[in-house]
Amino acid sequence: MSPPAGPPPPPRRGRSHPPSLIRLAERLIRDERLIARGDVVLCACSGGPDSTALLHVLALLRRRIGHEVVAHGVDHGLRAAAAAELSIARALSDRLGVPYAETRVDVAPGANLQARARAARFAALAAAAAAYGARAIATGHTADDRAETVLLRLLRGAGPRGLAVLPPRAPLSPDVAGAARRGVGPESAAGIELIRPLLLARRADVLAHLGRHRLEFAEDPSNRDPRFTRVRVRRELLPLLEDLSPAIVEHLCALSDMLVAARPSGGDPDVLDGSEPLSIPLGRAQRFAIERARKLGRPLRVRVRGGEEIAVGFPEESSVLIEDGSARRGT
């Protein structure tokens, strides 16, 4: 005969399932003080999954946090389907009671198309944010986006500054802020920040939220085009790394967090969108020569792409001073 069964185990306390996208966003917003009561936040919308989820989450959090949300879409004029995709964002905004507007920009086909489209998009968003009196522009970047950007930077030979990517908050770049000031006046453009409320979430969390709330969204076909390095990193490299280390996304984001914290205040290489930081392109031989000169404590001059010559000095042991030769010549 089996012994009598003992008392049932005590009920488990706490969550038995991962936190929702709403909880993850609210946690980051409060921990990083991304949004305060009374703030106006402009949500950048494309009709894609990330921005659709972000718009929905920011609208749902209005009662808890006390902010206002406005939505803005940008049509680059590059794809006929873009107008239909933005109509999804417009319909969701209407349903949520969020003011919505669009800007059409002209981006000519040619080299470096994605970077030029990003620059035009953020200039339009900054001008719209200034016109609305918004304190921040919110984008739908997730932890996956941040990890992918770190890997892209590593593939391009970036150093610590270049790996400090996609922080939860960042000032607008001087170029974008200047464009906004010229469009609507310096007072309206002052103090606008870029915020990323979904950085604690994975892409799977976004898709789960969209499915749970039955939200329609569109997929940009360029996100599946293997001609773009980011697509190959997303679809080939990152899954391979996750097979080797299931927490690789968290590790890469933690690395970026540490480098953001170590970066001197006032600088941010990812003010807009995770594109390449402003830097002087150096080859392996040039980097080797600079490192050797640093160890010896001797200044040197190196030639970079385009025939420009730069002077490199070492006023402090931990820093490198680079002088543009054109400025010295007065050109």
Protein backbone atom coordinates (compact mmCIF):
# COMPACT_ATOMS: atom_id res chain seq x y z
CA MET A 1 0.00 0.00 0.00
CA SER A 2 1.31 3.37 -0.91
CA PRO A 3 1.84 5.86 1.91
CA PRO A 4 -0.77 8.58 2.17
CA ALA A 5 -0.07 11.60 0.09
CA GLY A 6 1.35 14.55 1.96
CA PRO A 7 -0.06 18.05 1.89
CA PRO A 8 -0.04 19.75 -1.49
CA PRO A 9 2.95 21.98 -2.18
CA PRO A 10 2.43 25.67 -1.45
CA PRO A 11 1.38 27.73 -4.47
CA ARG A 12 4.19 29.33 -6.42
CA ARG A 13 4.56 33.02 -5.90
CA GLY A 14 5.36 35.52 -8.59
CA ARG A 15 5.00 35.27 -12.32
CA SER A 16 4.95 31.93 -14.09
CA HIS A 17 5.22 33.61 -17.50
CA PRO A 18 7.49 36.30 -18.92
CA PRO A 19 6.48 39.94 -18.46
CA SER A 20 4.32 41.46 -21.16
CA LEU A 21 5.58 44.03 -23.64
CA ILE A 22 3.63 46.67 -21.73
CA ARG A 23 5.41 45.77 -18.49
CA LEU A 24 8.83 45.72 -20.14
CA ALA A 25 8.27 49.12 -21.71
CA GLU A 26 6.91 50.64 -18.49
CA ARG A 27 9.87 49.28 -16.52
CA LEU A 28 12.41 50.86 -18.86
CA ILE A 29 10.48 54.13 -19.07
CA ARG A 30 10.44 54.44 -15.29
CA ASP A 31 13.98 53.15 -14.66
CA GLU A 32 15.53 55.44 -17.28
CA ARG A 33 13.02 58.29 -16.77
CA LEU A 34 12.31 58.35 -20.47
CA ILE A 35 8.88 59.96 -20.10
CA ALA A 36 7.45 62.18 -17.36
CA ARG A 37 3.90 63.21 -16.59
CA GLY A 38 2.78 65.92 -18.99
CA ASP A 39 5.36 65.09 -21.67
CA VAL A 40 4.34 64.99 -25.32
CA VAL A 41 5.96 62.01 -27.07
CA LEU A 42 6.07 61.63 -30.85
CA CYS A 43 5.92 57.96 -31.89
CA ALA A 44 7.69 57.25 -35.19
CA CYS A 45 5.33 54.99 -37.16
CA SER A 46 5.87 52.95 -40.29
CA GLY A 47 3.10 50.36 -40.08
CA GLY A 48 5.72 47.68 -39.32
CA PRO A 49 5.54 45.35 -36.31
CA ASP A 50 7.89 47.24 -33.96
CA SER A 51 6.42 50.72 -34.44
CA THR A 52 2.85 49.36 -34.40
CA ALA A 53 3.48 47.65 -31.06
CA LEU A 54 5.23 50.75 -29.73
CA LEU A 55 2.32 53.03 -30.66
CA HIS A 56 -0.14 50.66 -28.99
CA VAL A 57 1.96 50.36 -25.82
CA LEU A 58 2.56 54.11 -25.48
CA ALA A 59 -1.16 54.75 -25.90
CA LEU A 60 -2.08 52.14 -23.27
CA LEU A 61 0.44 53.61 -20.80
CA ARG A 62 -0.97 57.13 -21.01
CA ARG A 63 -3.21 56.62 -17.98
CA ARG A 64 -0.40 55.19 -15.82
CA ILE A 65 2.34 57.65 -16.77
CA GLY A 66 0.33 60.74 -17.68
CA HIS A 67 1.95 61.62 -21.01
CA GLU A 68 0.46 62.52 -24.38
CA VAL A 69 1.20 60.63 -27.61
CA VAL A 70 1.24 61.87 -31.18
CA ALA A 71 2.09 59.63 -34.14
CA HIS A 72 3.97 60.51 -37.29
CA GLY A 73 4.77 58.53 -40.43
CA VAL A 74 7.35 59.28 -43.10
CA ASP A 75 6.97 58.20 -46.74
CA HIS A 76 10.34 58.14 -48.50
CA GLY A 77 8.75 57.83 -51.91
CA LEU A 78 10.82 54.71 -52.64
CA ARG A 79 8.11 52.02 -52.54
CA ALA A 80 4.53 52.14 -53.76
CA ALA A 81 3.47 49.95 -50.82
CA ALA A 82 4.65 52.51 -48.25
CA ALA A 83 1.41 54.50 -48.44
CA ALA A 84 -0.66 51.41 -47.66
CA GLU A 85 1.65 50.50 -44.78
CA LEU A 86 1.31 53.98 -43.28
CA SER A 87 -2.47 53.67 -43.55
CA ILE A 88 -2.21 50.89 -40.95
CA ALA A 89 -0.53 53.31 -38.55
CA ARG A 90 -3.17 55.95 -39.31
CA ALA A 91 -6.04 53.52 -38.65
CA LEU A 92 -4.53 52.35 -35.34
CA SER A 93 -3.93 55.96 -34.27
CA ASP A 94 -7.57 56.80 -34.96
CA ARG A 95 -8.67 53.77 -32.94
CA LEU A 96 -6.48 54.78 -30.00
CA GLY A 97 -7.40 58.46 -30.10
CA VAL A 98 -3.85 59.50 -31.05
CA PRO A 99 -3.26 62.46 -33.41
CA TYR A 100 -1.56 61.26 -36.60
CA ALA A 101 0.23 63.04 -39.45
CA GLU A 102 2.59 62.14 -42.30
CA THR A 103 5.54 63.71 -44.10
CA ARG A 104 6.58 62.87 -47.66
CA VAL A 105 10.31 63.17 -48.34
CA ASP A 106 12.22 62.72 -51.59
CA VAL A 107 15.17 60.32 -51.43
CA ALA A 108 16.81 59.79 -54.80
CA PRO A 109 17.94 56.25 -55.65
CA GLY A 110 21.68 55.71 -55.55
CA ALA A 111 24.56 54.79 -53.30
CA ASN A 112 24.10 54.52 -49.53
CA LEU A 113 20.33 54.63 -49.99
CA GLN A 114 19.39 53.31 -46.54
CA ALA A 115 21.59 55.82 -44.71
CA ARG A 116 20.24 58.74 -46.74
CA ALA A 117 16.66 57.56 -46.18
CA ARG A 118 17.28 57.34 -42.42
CA ALA A 119 18.71 60.85 -42.34
CA ALA A 120 15.72 62.25 -44.24
CA ARG A 121 13.28 60.34 -42.02
CA PHE A 122 14.75 61.63 -38.77
CA ALA A 123 14.95 65.20 -40.05
CA ALA A 124 11.22 64.98 -40.82
CA LEU A 125 10.45 63.42 -37.43
CA ALA A 126 12.46 66.10 -35.61
CA ALA A 127 10.61 68.88 -37.42
CA ALA A 128 7.27 67.24 -36.60
CA ALA A 129 8.23 66.76 -32.94
CA ALA A 130 9.21 70.41 -32.66
CA ALA A 131 5.95 71.50 -34.27
CA TYR A 132 3.93 69.40 -31.80
CA GLY A 133 5.97 70.60 -28.82
CA ALA A 134 7.08 67.01 -28.20
CA ARG A 135 9.92 66.43 -25.75
CA ALA A 136 10.93 63.09 -27.26
CA ILE A 137 10.80 60.99 -30.42
CA ALA A 138 10.11 57.32 -29.62
CA THR A 139 11.30 54.54 -31.92
CA GLY A 140 10.55 50.83 -31.78
CA HIS A 141 14.08 49.45 -31.47
CA THR A 142 14.24 46.16 -29.54
CA ALA A 143 17.02 44.19 -27.86
CA ASP A 144 17.45 42.25 -31.11
CA ASP A 145 18.06 45.47 -33.03
CA ARG A 146 20.67 46.53 -30.51
CA ALA A 147 22.47 43.17 -30.62
CA GLU A 148 22.44 43.21 -34.44
CA THR A 149 23.92 46.71 -34.46
CA VAL A 150 26.74 45.68 -32.11
CA LEU A 151 27.58 42.78 -34.44
CA LEU A 152 27.46 45.04 -37.49
CA ARG A 153 29.87 47.43 -35.82
CA LEU A 154 32.21 44.57 -34.89
CA LEU A 155 32.20 43.39 -38.50
CA ARG A 156 33.21 46.91 -39.57
CA GLY A 157 36.06 47.11 -37.06
CA ALA A 158 34.49 49.56 -34.60
CA GLY A 159 36.13 50.27 -31.26
CA PRO A 160 34.52 50.82 -27.83
CA ARG A 161 32.89 54.12 -28.81
CA GLY A 162 31.36 52.57 -31.89
CA LEU A 163 29.91 49.66 -29.90
CA ALA A 164 28.04 51.97 -27.49
CA VAL A 165 24.94 51.69 -29.68
CA LEU A 166 21.22 52.39 -29.32
CA PRO A 167 21.07 53.63 -25.72
CA PRO A 168 17.61 54.02 -24.15
CA ARG A 169 17.84 57.79 -24.56
CA ALA A 170 20.04 60.11 -26.59
CA PRO A 171 20.06 63.72 -27.78
CA LEU A 172 19.30 64.49 -31.40
CA SER A 173 22.35 64.95 -33.57
CA PRO A 174 23.36 68.59 -34.19
CA ASP A 175 22.46 68.28 -37.89
CA VAL A 176 18.94 67.01 -37.22
CA ALA A 177 18.31 69.44 -34.37
CA GLY A 178 19.53 72.26 -36.60
CA ALA A 179 17.17 71.23 -39.38
CA ALA A 180 14.28 71.21 -36.93
CA ARG A 181 15.23 74.64 -35.60
CA ARG A 182 15.36 76.09 -39.10
CA GLY A 183 11.91 74.69 -39.82
CA VAL A 184 10.02 75.73 -36.69
CA GLY A 185 12.26 77.98 -34.60
CA PRO A 186 15.01 77.34 -32.02
CA GLU A 187 12.75 77.44 -28.96
CA SER A 188 10.48 74.65 -30.24
CA ALA A 189 13.38 72.35 -31.19
CA ALA A 190 15.35 72.72 -27.96
CA GLY A 191 15.70 69.65 -25.76
CA ILE A 192 14.14 67.03 -28.06
CA GLU A 193 15.50 63.57 -27.28
CA LEU A 194 15.38 60.20 -28.98
CA ILE A 195 14.00 57.42 -26.73
CA ARG A 196 13.70 53.65 -27.24
CA PRO A 197 11.11 52.25 -24.81
CA LEU A 198 11.20 48.67 -26.17
CA LEU A 199 14.90 47.95 -25.61
CA LEU A 200 14.20 45.39 -22.86
CA ALA A 201 11.98 43.40 -25.23
CA ARG A 202 12.88 40.78 -27.80
CA ARG A 203 11.35 40.67 -31.24
CA ALA A 204 9.33 37.65 -30.09
CA ASP A 205 7.78 39.80 -27.34
CA VAL A 206 6.67 42.30 -29.99
CA LEU A 207 5.07 39.61 -32.15
CA ALA A 208 3.35 38.07 -29.11
CA HIS A 209 1.88 41.48 -28.22
CA LEU A 210 0.63 42.02 -31.75
CA GLY A 211 -1.00 38.58 -31.78
CA ARG A 212 -2.51 38.96 -28.31
CA HIS A 213 -4.15 42.28 -29.22
CA ARG A 214 -4.92 41.29 -32.83
CA LEU A 215 -3.08 44.27 -34.28
CA GLU A 216 -2.57 44.50 -38.02
CA PHE A 217 0.93 45.33 -39.26
CA ALA A 218 2.94 45.30 -42.47
CA GLU A 219 6.31 43.76 -43.33
CA ASP A 220 8.88 45.75 -45.31
CA PRO A 221 10.29 43.34 -47.96
CA SER A 222 13.74 44.92 -47.57
CA ASN A 223 13.90 43.24 -44.14
CA ARG A 224 14.24 39.91 -45.98
CA ASP A 225 16.66 41.06 -48.68
CA PRO A 226 20.05 39.33 -48.17
CA ARG A 227 21.80 42.09 -50.11
CA PHE A 228 21.71 44.10 -46.90
CA THR A 229 24.32 43.09 -44.34
CA ARG A 230 21.94 43.67 -41.44
CA VAL A 231 19.53 41.12 -42.92
CA ARG A 232 22.27 38.48 -43.06
CA VAL A 233 23.30 39.28 -39.50
CA ARG A 234 19.67 38.91 -38.40
CA ARG A 235 18.85 35.76 -40.34
CA GLU A 236 22.19 33.94 -40.41
CA LEU A 237 24.76 35.16 -37.87
CA LEU A 238 22.62 35.87 -34.82
CA PRO A 239 20.74 32.52 -34.91
CA LEU A 240 24.09 30.72 -35.14
CA LEU A 241 25.43 32.64 -32.15
CA GLU A 242 22.25 31.86 -30.20
CA ASP A 243 22.82 28.17 -30.83
CA LEU A 244 26.23 28.55 -29.19
CA SER A 245 25.07 30.94 -26.45
CA PRO A 246 21.29 31.26 -25.94
CA ALA A 247 21.76 34.52 -24.01
CA ILE A 248 23.96 36.18 -26.66
CA VAL A 249 21.45 39.00 -27.28
CA GLU A 250 21.41 39.87 -23.58
CA HIS A 251 25.22 39.68 -23.48
CA LEU A 252 25.63 42.02 -26.45
CA CYS A 253 23.13 44.50 -25.01
CA ALA A 254 24.91 44.40 -21.64
CA LEU A 255 28.21 45.10 -23.39
CA SER A 256 26.70 48.09 -25.14
CA ASP A 257 25.24 49.32 -21.83
CA MET A 258 28.67 49.20 -20.20
CA LEU A 259 30.25 51.11 -23.07
CA VAL A 260 27.47 53.72 -23.09
CA ALA A 261 28.03 54.24 -19.34
CA ALA A 262 31.78 54.62 -19.89
CA ARG A 263 31.40 57.11 -22.73
CA PRO A 264 32.15 60.75 -21.85
CA SER A 265 29.00 62.84 -21.48
CA GLY A 266 27.85 64.88 -24.42
CA GLY A 267 28.77 62.42 -27.14
CA ASP A 268 26.53 59.82 -28.69
CA PRO A 269 27.43 57.89 -31.86
CA ASP A 270 23.87 56.56 -32.24
CA VAL A 271 21.80 59.66 -31.80
CA LEU A 272 19.56 58.65 -34.67
CA ASP A 273 19.41 55.07 -35.73
CA GLY A 274 22.48 52.95 -35.12
CA SER A 275 24.26 53.90 -38.32
CA GLU A 276 28.02 54.31 -38.42
CA PRO A 277 29.47 56.87 -35.98
CA LEU A 278 31.28 59.89 -37.31
CA SER A 279 34.88 58.77 -37.56
CA ILE A 280 37.90 58.88 -39.81
CA PRO A 281 38.13 55.67 -41.88
CA LEU A 282 41.43 53.96 -41.09
CA GLY A 283 42.92 50.79 -42.53
CA ARG A 284 44.86 48.13 -40.65
CA ALA A 285 48.26 49.66 -41.46
CA GLN A 286 47.12 53.08 -40.29
CA ARG A 287 45.71 51.70 -37.05
CA PHE A 288 48.94 49.79 -36.44
CA ALA A 289 51.02 52.92 -37.04
CA ILE A 290 48.85 54.94 -34.65
CA GLU A 291 49.04 52.28 -31.93
CA ARG A 292 52.82 52.07 -32.30
CA ALA A 293 53.11 55.87 -32.09
CA ARG A 294 50.90 55.88 -28.99
CA LYS A 295 53.17 53.38 -27.24
CA LEU A 296 56.23 55.43 -28.17
CA GLY A 297 54.53 58.71 -27.27
CA ARG A 298 55.38 60.23 -30.64
CA PRO A 299 53.03 62.25 -32.87
CA LEU A 300 52.67 61.23 -36.50
CA ARG A 301 50.83 62.11 -39.69
CA VAL A 302 48.80 59.56 -41.68
CA ARG A 303 47.04 59.81 -45.00
CA VAL A 304 43.39 58.70 -45.17
CA ARG A 305 40.90 58.07 -47.95
CA GLY A 306 40.44 60.95 -50.33
CA GLY A 307 44.06 62.04 -49.96
CA GLU A 308 43.49 63.95 -46.71
CA GLU A 309 46.31 63.99 -44.19
CA ILE A 310 45.66 63.97 -40.44
CA ALA A 311 47.96 64.70 -37.51
CA VAL A 312 47.72 62.33 -34.55
CA GLY A 313 48.99 63.33 -31.12
CA PHE A 314 48.79 61.91 -27.62
CA PRO A 315 48.33 64.67 -25.04
CA GLU A 316 47.20 62.13 -22.45
CA GLU A 317 48.03 58.48 -22.03
CA SER A 318 44.45 57.36 -22.58
CA SER A 319 43.47 59.63 -25.45
CA VAL A 320 44.20 60.21 -29.10
CA LEU A 321 44.08 63.72 -30.57
CA ILE A 322 43.40 63.82 -34.30
CA GLU A 323 43.83 67.07 -36.21
CA ASP A 324 42.36 67.44 -39.69
CA GLY A 325 45.10 68.57 -42.03
CA SER A 326 42.70 70.69 -44.08
CA ALA A 327 41.93 72.86 -41.04
CA ARG A 328 45.67 73.44 -40.48
CA ARG A 329 46.08 74.49 -44.12
CA GLY A 330 43.11 76.86 -43.84
CA THR A 331 41.08 75.18 -46.58
